């Protein structure tokens, strides 16, 4: 199907180590979507010194090439992320 995104990744029940998105452009935002059930995931943005609540239904746009980001261990619940 046609998409404005250059790639789509589905991550299920995995921690995501801190990283930058090397294939992205610095001026383009990446869309991150948190899905699943009963989880207390946190989006960690160490470059900003921020940890944002990332419960199911959350959508976040970040400059993934510029900002380091990751999802640490979240405890119980099923987590699905689309990036």
N, C-alpha and C. Protein backbone atom coordinates (compact mmCIF):
# COMPACT_ATOMS: atom_id res chain seq x y z
N UNK A 1 0.83 -1.18 0.00
CA UNK A 1 0.00 0.00 0.00
C UNK A 1 0.88 1.24 0.00
N UNK A 2 0.39 2.35 -0.51
CA UNK A 2 1.18 3.59 -0.51
C UNK A 2 1.36 4.12 0.91
N UNK A 3 2.53 4.62 1.20
CA UNK A 3 2.82 5.14 2.53
C UNK A 3 3.80 6.30 2.43
N UNK A 4 3.64 7.27 3.30
CA UNK A 4 4.59 8.38 3.34
C UNK A 4 5.84 8.01 4.12
N UNK A 5 5.81 6.86 4.81
CA UNK A 5 6.94 6.42 5.61
C UNK A 5 7.86 5.53 4.79
N UNK A 6 9.16 5.62 5.06
CA UNK A 6 10.13 4.81 4.30
C UNK A 6 10.25 3.40 4.85
N UNK A 7 9.75 3.16 6.03
CA UNK A 7 9.79 1.82 6.62
C UNK A 7 8.85 1.74 7.81
N UNK A 8 8.38 0.55 8.10
CA UNK A 8 7.52 0.33 9.27
C UNK A 8 8.08 -0.86 10.03
N UNK A 9 8.17 -0.73 11.34
CA UNK A 9 8.69 -1.80 12.18
C UNK A 9 7.67 -2.08 13.28
N UNK A 10 7.41 -3.35 13.54
CA UNK A 10 6.52 -3.76 14.62
C UNK A 10 7.38 -4.47 15.66
N UNK A 11 7.34 -3.99 16.91
CA UNK A 11 8.13 -4.56 18.00
C UNK A 11 7.16 -5.07 19.05
N UNK A 12 7.27 -6.34 19.42
CA UNK A 12 6.34 -6.94 20.37
C UNK A 12 7.11 -7.46 21.58
N UNK A 13 6.73 -6.97 22.77
CA UNK A 13 7.28 -7.44 24.05
C UNK A 13 8.80 -7.46 24.10
N UNK A 14 9.42 -6.38 23.65
CA UNK A 14 10.88 -6.28 23.69
C UNK A 14 11.29 -4.93 24.25
N UNK A 15 12.34 -4.95 25.05
CA UNK A 15 12.97 -3.69 25.42
C UNK A 15 13.67 -3.15 24.17
N UNK A 16 13.79 -1.84 24.10
CA UNK A 16 14.48 -1.23 22.98
C UNK A 16 15.65 -0.42 23.55
N UNK A 17 16.89 -0.85 23.31
CA UNK A 17 18.04 -0.11 23.83
C UNK A 17 18.08 1.32 23.26
N UNK A 18 18.73 2.21 23.97
CA UNK A 18 18.88 3.58 23.47
C UNK A 18 19.56 3.56 22.11
N UNK A 19 19.03 4.35 21.19
CA UNK A 19 19.59 4.38 19.84
C UNK A 19 19.14 5.65 19.12
N UNK A 20 19.81 5.94 18.00
CA UNK A 20 19.38 6.94 17.02
C UNK A 20 18.92 6.16 15.79
N UNK A 21 18.08 6.74 14.98
CA UNK A 21 17.64 6.09 13.75
C UNK A 21 18.56 6.53 12.62
N UNK A 22 19.54 5.70 12.25
CA UNK A 22 20.57 6.13 11.29
C UNK A 22 20.06 6.43 9.90
N UNK A 23 18.98 5.79 9.46
CA UNK A 23 18.49 6.00 8.10
C UNK A 23 17.57 7.19 7.96
N UNK A 24 17.20 7.82 9.06
CA UNK A 24 16.26 8.93 9.02
C UNK A 24 16.97 10.24 8.68
N UNK A 25 16.20 11.21 8.25
CA UNK A 25 16.73 12.55 8.01
C UNK A 25 16.58 13.37 9.29
N UNK A 26 17.54 14.24 9.60
CA UNK A 26 17.45 15.03 10.83
C UNK A 26 16.21 15.93 10.89
N UNK A 27 15.70 16.33 9.74
CA UNK A 27 14.56 17.26 9.71
C UNK A 27 13.20 16.55 9.65
N UNK A 28 13.20 15.20 9.71
CA UNK A 28 11.96 14.43 9.58
C UNK A 28 11.63 13.78 10.91
N UNK A 29 10.35 13.82 11.27
CA UNK A 29 9.89 13.19 12.51
C UNK A 29 9.51 11.74 12.26
N UNK A 30 9.78 10.89 13.26
CA UNK A 30 9.36 9.50 13.25
C UNK A 30 8.13 9.37 14.13
N UNK A 31 7.15 8.60 13.68
CA UNK A 31 5.95 8.35 14.45
C UNK A 31 6.10 7.05 15.22
N UNK A 32 5.94 7.11 16.54
CA UNK A 32 5.99 5.93 17.41
C UNK A 32 4.60 5.75 18.00
N UNK A 33 4.07 4.53 17.92
CA UNK A 33 2.73 4.23 18.43
C UNK A 33 2.84 3.08 19.43
N UNK A 34 2.29 3.28 20.62
CA UNK A 34 2.30 2.26 21.67
C UNK A 34 0.93 1.60 21.73
N UNK A 35 0.92 0.28 21.64
CA UNK A 35 -0.31 -0.51 21.72
C UNK A 35 -0.11 -1.61 22.75
N UNK A 36 -1.11 -2.43 22.97
CA UNK A 36 -0.98 -3.56 23.90
C UNK A 36 -2.01 -3.47 25.00
N UNK A 37 -1.72 -4.16 26.12
CA UNK A 37 -2.64 -4.21 27.23
C UNK A 37 -1.90 -4.07 28.55
N UNK A 38 -2.44 -3.26 29.43
CA UNK A 38 -2.01 -3.20 30.83
C UNK A 38 -0.51 -3.09 31.04
N UNK A 39 0.17 -2.23 30.29
CA UNK A 39 1.60 -2.05 30.53
C UNK A 39 1.89 -0.62 30.95
N UNK A 40 3.00 -0.44 31.63
CA UNK A 40 3.42 0.87 32.12
C UNK A 40 4.75 1.26 31.47
N UNK A 41 4.82 1.12 30.15
CA UNK A 41 6.06 1.44 29.43
C UNK A 41 6.39 2.93 29.54
N UNK A 42 7.68 3.23 29.41
CA UNK A 42 8.19 4.59 29.47
C UNK A 42 9.05 4.82 28.23
N UNK A 43 8.87 5.95 27.57
CA UNK A 43 9.74 6.35 26.46
C UNK A 43 10.85 7.19 27.07
N UNK A 44 12.07 6.69 27.01
CA UNK A 44 13.23 7.34 27.63
C UNK A 44 13.95 8.16 26.57
N UNK A 45 14.11 9.46 26.83
CA UNK A 45 14.81 10.39 25.92
C UNK A 45 15.98 10.99 26.68
N UNK A 46 17.12 10.27 26.77
CA UNK A 46 18.24 10.74 27.60
C UNK A 46 18.84 12.07 27.15
N UNK A 47 18.79 12.38 25.86
CA UNK A 47 19.33 13.67 25.39
C UNK A 47 18.57 14.85 25.99
N UNK A 48 17.30 14.63 26.33
CA UNK A 48 16.48 15.68 26.93
C UNK A 48 16.36 15.52 28.44
N UNK A 49 16.89 14.41 28.97
CA UNK A 49 16.73 14.12 30.39
C UNK A 49 15.27 13.85 30.73
N UNK A 50 14.53 13.24 29.81
CA UNK A 50 13.09 13.04 30.00
C UNK A 50 12.70 11.58 29.92
N UNK A 51 11.73 11.20 30.73
CA UNK A 51 11.07 9.91 30.64
C UNK A 51 9.58 10.18 30.55
N UNK A 52 8.98 9.78 29.46
CA UNK A 52 7.57 10.05 29.20
C UNK A 52 6.75 8.79 29.37
N UNK A 53 5.59 8.90 30.03
CA UNK A 53 4.66 7.77 30.09
C UNK A 53 4.29 7.37 28.68
N UNK A 54 4.24 6.05 28.43
CA UNK A 54 4.03 5.53 27.08
C UNK A 54 3.01 4.40 27.13
N UNK A 55 1.80 4.68 27.71
CA UNK A 55 0.78 3.64 27.83
C UNK A 55 0.16 3.30 26.48
N UNK A 56 -0.62 2.20 26.41
CA UNK A 56 -1.30 1.86 25.16
C UNK A 56 -2.14 3.02 24.65
N UNK A 57 -2.07 3.24 23.34
CA UNK A 57 -2.83 4.31 22.71
C UNK A 57 -2.04 5.59 22.52
N UNK A 58 -0.79 5.63 23.00
CA UNK A 58 0.03 6.83 22.88
C UNK A 58 0.68 6.90 21.50
N UNK A 59 0.68 8.10 20.92
CA UNK A 59 1.40 8.36 19.67
C UNK A 59 2.36 9.51 19.93
N UNK A 60 3.62 9.34 19.51
CA UNK A 60 4.66 10.34 19.74
C UNK A 60 5.43 10.55 18.44
N UNK A 61 5.67 11.80 18.11
CA UNK A 61 6.55 12.14 16.99
C UNK A 61 7.87 12.64 17.58
N UNK A 62 8.99 12.04 17.16
CA UNK A 62 10.30 12.52 17.59
C UNK A 62 11.23 12.56 16.37
N UNK A 63 12.26 13.36 16.47
CA UNK A 63 13.31 13.37 15.45
C UNK A 63 14.29 12.26 15.83
N UNK A 64 14.02 11.04 15.37
CA UNK A 64 14.76 9.86 15.79
C UNK A 64 16.23 9.84 15.41
N UNK A 65 16.60 10.57 14.38
CA UNK A 65 18.02 10.65 14.02
C UNK A 65 18.76 11.58 14.97
N UNK A 66 18.06 12.58 15.51
CA UNK A 66 18.67 13.58 16.37
C UNK A 66 18.62 13.16 17.84
N UNK A 67 17.47 12.67 18.29
CA UNK A 67 17.28 12.33 19.70
C UNK A 67 17.49 10.84 19.96
N UNK A 68 18.35 10.56 20.91
CA UNK A 68 18.52 9.17 21.35
C UNK A 68 17.25 8.79 22.11
N UNK A 69 16.75 7.57 21.88
CA UNK A 69 15.52 7.13 22.51
C UNK A 69 15.55 5.63 22.75
N UNK A 70 14.74 5.18 23.69
CA UNK A 70 14.66 3.76 24.01
C UNK A 70 13.49 3.48 24.94
N UNK A 71 13.17 2.20 25.07
CA UNK A 71 12.11 1.74 25.97
C UNK A 71 12.73 0.74 26.94
N UNK A 72 12.90 1.13 28.21
CA UNK A 72 13.44 0.17 29.19
C UNK A 72 12.39 -0.86 29.58
N UNK A 73 12.79 -1.82 30.39
CA UNK A 73 11.87 -2.87 30.86
C UNK A 73 10.63 -2.23 31.48
N UNK A 74 9.47 -2.76 31.16
CA UNK A 74 8.21 -2.13 31.59
C UNK A 74 7.41 -2.95 32.58
N UNK A 75 7.87 -4.12 32.99
CA UNK A 75 7.11 -4.93 33.95
C UNK A 75 6.07 -5.78 33.26
N UNK A 76 4.90 -5.88 33.85
CA UNK A 76 3.84 -6.74 33.32
C UNK A 76 3.11 -6.10 32.15
N UNK A 77 2.37 -6.93 31.45
CA UNK A 77 1.54 -6.46 30.35
C UNK A 77 2.18 -6.72 29.01
N UNK A 78 1.33 -6.72 27.99
CA UNK A 78 1.77 -6.96 26.62
C UNK A 78 1.99 -5.61 25.94
N UNK A 79 3.14 -5.46 25.30
CA UNK A 79 3.46 -4.20 24.62
C UNK A 79 3.69 -4.45 23.14
N UNK A 80 3.04 -3.66 22.32
CA UNK A 80 3.23 -3.69 20.88
C UNK A 80 3.54 -2.27 20.46
N UNK A 81 4.61 -2.09 19.70
CA UNK A 81 4.97 -0.76 19.24
C UNK A 81 5.11 -0.78 17.74
N UNK A 82 4.58 0.24 17.10
CA UNK A 82 4.75 0.42 15.67
C UNK A 82 5.58 1.67 15.46
N UNK A 83 6.67 1.52 14.73
CA UNK A 83 7.57 2.66 14.47
C UNK A 83 7.83 2.76 12.99
